[in-house]
Amino acid sequence: MSGILAQTRDVQPLFVAKAINHKLKAIKPELNADSRRDIAKQLDELVAAYDTGRVSLPEYCHKLNSLLAMVA
């Protein structure tokens, strides 16, 4: 049992990372309009914060949900 748990420990982050990729692909095309520069700036700051480790994976996913709602 412990072997199975060890092998599947990274599965949830993998699914979250995949969801993040889908969200980014949905958000980026919507940012071309001048009226959406603020959202584009927020996205750039969020990505930079995640890349530097200032934002956790679940928090990153949650904030992307907020940005996605803004462009939908």
C-alpha atoms as a PDB file:
ATOM      1  CA  MET A   1       0.000   0.000   0.000  1.00  0.00           C
ATOM      2  CA  SER A   2       2.760   2.459   0.853  1.00  0.00           C
ATOM      3  CA  GLY A   3       4.353   1.750  -2.539  1.00  0.00           C
ATOM      4  CA  ILE A   4       1.151   2.723  -4.339  1.00  0.00           C
ATOM      5  CA  LEU A   5       0.845   5.896  -2.273  1.00  0.00           C
ATOM      6  CA  ALA A   6       4.435   6.825  -3.054  1.00  0.00           C
ATOM      7  CA  GLN A   7       3.868   6.302  -6.772  1.00  0.00           C
ATOM      8  CA  THR A   8       0.706   8.423  -6.884  1.00  0.00           C
ATOM      9  CA  ARG A   9       1.885  11.257  -4.654  1.00  0.00           C
ATOM     10  CA  ASP A  10       2.459  13.635  -7.607  1.00  0.00           C
ATOM     11  CA  VAL A  11      -0.759  12.815  -9.479  1.00  0.00           C
ATOM     12  CA  GLN A  12      -2.849  15.650  -8.038  1.00  0.00           C
ATOM     13  CA  PRO A  13      -0.249  18.356  -8.852  1.00  0.00           C
ATOM     14  CA  LEU A  14      -0.016  16.895 -12.340  1.00  0.00           C
ATOM     15  CA  PHE A  15      -3.761  17.342 -12.856  1.00  0.00           C
ATOM     16  CA  VAL A  16      -3.608  20.864 -11.426  1.00  0.00           C
ATOM     17  CA  ALA A  17      -0.728  21.718 -13.770  1.00  0.00           C
ATOM     18  CA  LYS A  18      -2.722  20.395 -16.714  1.00  0.00           C
ATOM     19  CA  ALA A  19      -5.740  22.481 -15.662  1.00  0.00           C
ATOM     20  CA  ILE A  20      -3.484  25.535 -15.421  1.00  0.00           C
ATOM     21  CA  ASN A  21      -2.274  25.008 -18.978  1.00  0.00           C
ATOM     22  CA  HIS A  22      -5.872  24.844 -20.207  1.00  0.00           C
ATOM     23  CA  LYS A  23      -6.747  28.039 -18.342  1.00  0.00           C
ATOM     24  CA  LEU A  24      -3.739  29.884 -19.737  1.00  0.00           C
ATOM     25  CA  LYS A  25      -4.676  28.809 -23.258  1.00  0.00           C
ATOM     26  CA  ALA A  26      -8.198  30.133 -22.686  1.00  0.00           C
ATOM     27  CA  ILE A  27      -7.102  33.452 -21.179  1.00  0.00           C
ATOM     28  CA  LYS A  28      -4.256  34.511 -23.481  1.00  0.00           C
ATOM     29  CA  PRO A  29      -6.261  34.892 -26.725  1.00  0.00           C
ATOM     30  CA  GLU A  30      -8.741  37.145 -24.921  1.00  0.00           C
ATOM     31  CA  LEU A  31      -6.069  39.659 -23.897  1.00  0.00           C
ATOM     32  CA  ASN A  32      -5.449  41.229 -27.310  1.00  0.00           C
ATOM     33  CA  ALA A  33      -7.866  44.148 -26.820  1.00  0.00           C
ATOM     34  CA  ASP A  34      -6.578  47.415 -25.370  1.00  0.00           C
ATOM     35  CA  SER A  35      -9.353  47.315 -22.778  1.00  0.00           C
ATOM     36  CA  ARG A  36      -7.831  44.163 -21.312  1.00  0.00           C
ATOM     37  CA  ARG A  37      -4.317  45.477 -20.650  1.00  0.00           C
ATOM     38  CA  ASP A  38      -4.966  45.451 -16.902  1.00  0.00           C
ATOM     39  CA  ILE A  39      -5.868  41.755 -17.023  1.00  0.00           C
ATOM     40  CA  ALA A  40      -2.801  41.028 -19.151  1.00  0.00           C
ATOM     41  CA  LYS A  41      -0.631  42.815 -16.591  1.00  0.00           C
ATOM     42  CA  GLN A  42      -2.215  40.819 -13.757  1.00  0.00           C
ATOM     43  CA  LEU A  43      -1.549  37.599 -15.662  1.00  0.00           C
ATOM     44  CA  ASP A  44       2.101  38.525 -16.255  1.00  0.00           C
ATOM     45  CA  GLU A  45       2.559  39.342 -12.566  1.00  0.00           C
ATOM     46  CA  LEU A  46       0.860  36.114 -11.508  1.00  0.00           C
ATOM     47  CA  VAL A  47       2.997  33.975 -13.822  1.00  0.00           C
ATOM     48  CA  ALA A  48       6.158  35.717 -12.586  1.00  0.00           C
ATOM     49  CA  ALA A  49       5.106  35.191  -8.948  1.00  0.00           C
ATOM     50  CA  TYR A  50       4.506  31.504  -9.578  1.00  0.00           C
ATOM     51  CA  ASP A  51       7.776  31.090 -11.470  1.00  0.00           C
ATOM     52  CA  THR A  52       9.719  32.604  -8.573  1.00  0.00           C
ATOM     53  CA  GLY A  53       7.911  30.494  -5.982  1.00  0.00           C
ATOM     54  CA  ARG A  54       5.981  33.309  -4.329  1.00  0.00           C
ATOM     55  CA  VAL A  55       2.643  31.656  -5.205  1.00  0.00           C
ATOM     56  CA  SER A  56       1.765  28.018  -4.532  1.00  0.00           C
ATOM     57  CA  LEU A  57       0.305  25.783  -7.222  1.00  0.00           C
ATOM     58  CA  PRO A  58      -3.237  25.741  -5.740  1.00  0.00           C
ATOM     59  CA  GLU A  59      -3.183  29.525  -5.247  1.00  0.00           C
ATOM     60  CA  TYR A  60      -1.934  29.975  -8.825  1.00  0.00           C
ATOM     61  CA  CYS A  61      -4.794  27.843 -10.123  1.00  0.00           C
ATOM     62  CA  HIS A  62      -7.336  29.769  -8.033  1.00  0.00           C
ATOM     63  CA  LYS A  63      -6.084  33.145  -9.252  1.00  0.00           C
ATOM     64  CA  LEU A  64      -6.183  31.927 -12.841  1.00  0.00           C
ATOM     65  CA  ASN A  65      -9.837  31.039 -12.257  1.00  0.00           C
ATOM     66  CA  SER A  66     -10.448  34.664 -11.289  1.00  0.00           C
ATOM     67  CA  LEU A  67      -8.690  35.969 -14.396  1.00  0.00           C
ATOM     68  CA  LEU A  68     -10.578  33.513 -16.566  1.00  0.00           C
ATOM     69  CA  ALA A  69     -13.849  34.785 -15.134  1.00  0.00           C
ATOM     70  CA  MET A  70     -12.816  38.342 -16.027  1.00  0.00           C
ATOM     71  CA  VAL A  71     -12.280  37.499 -19.694  1.00  0.00           C
ATOM     72  CA  ALA A  72     -15.262  35.172 -20.086  1.00  0.00           C
END
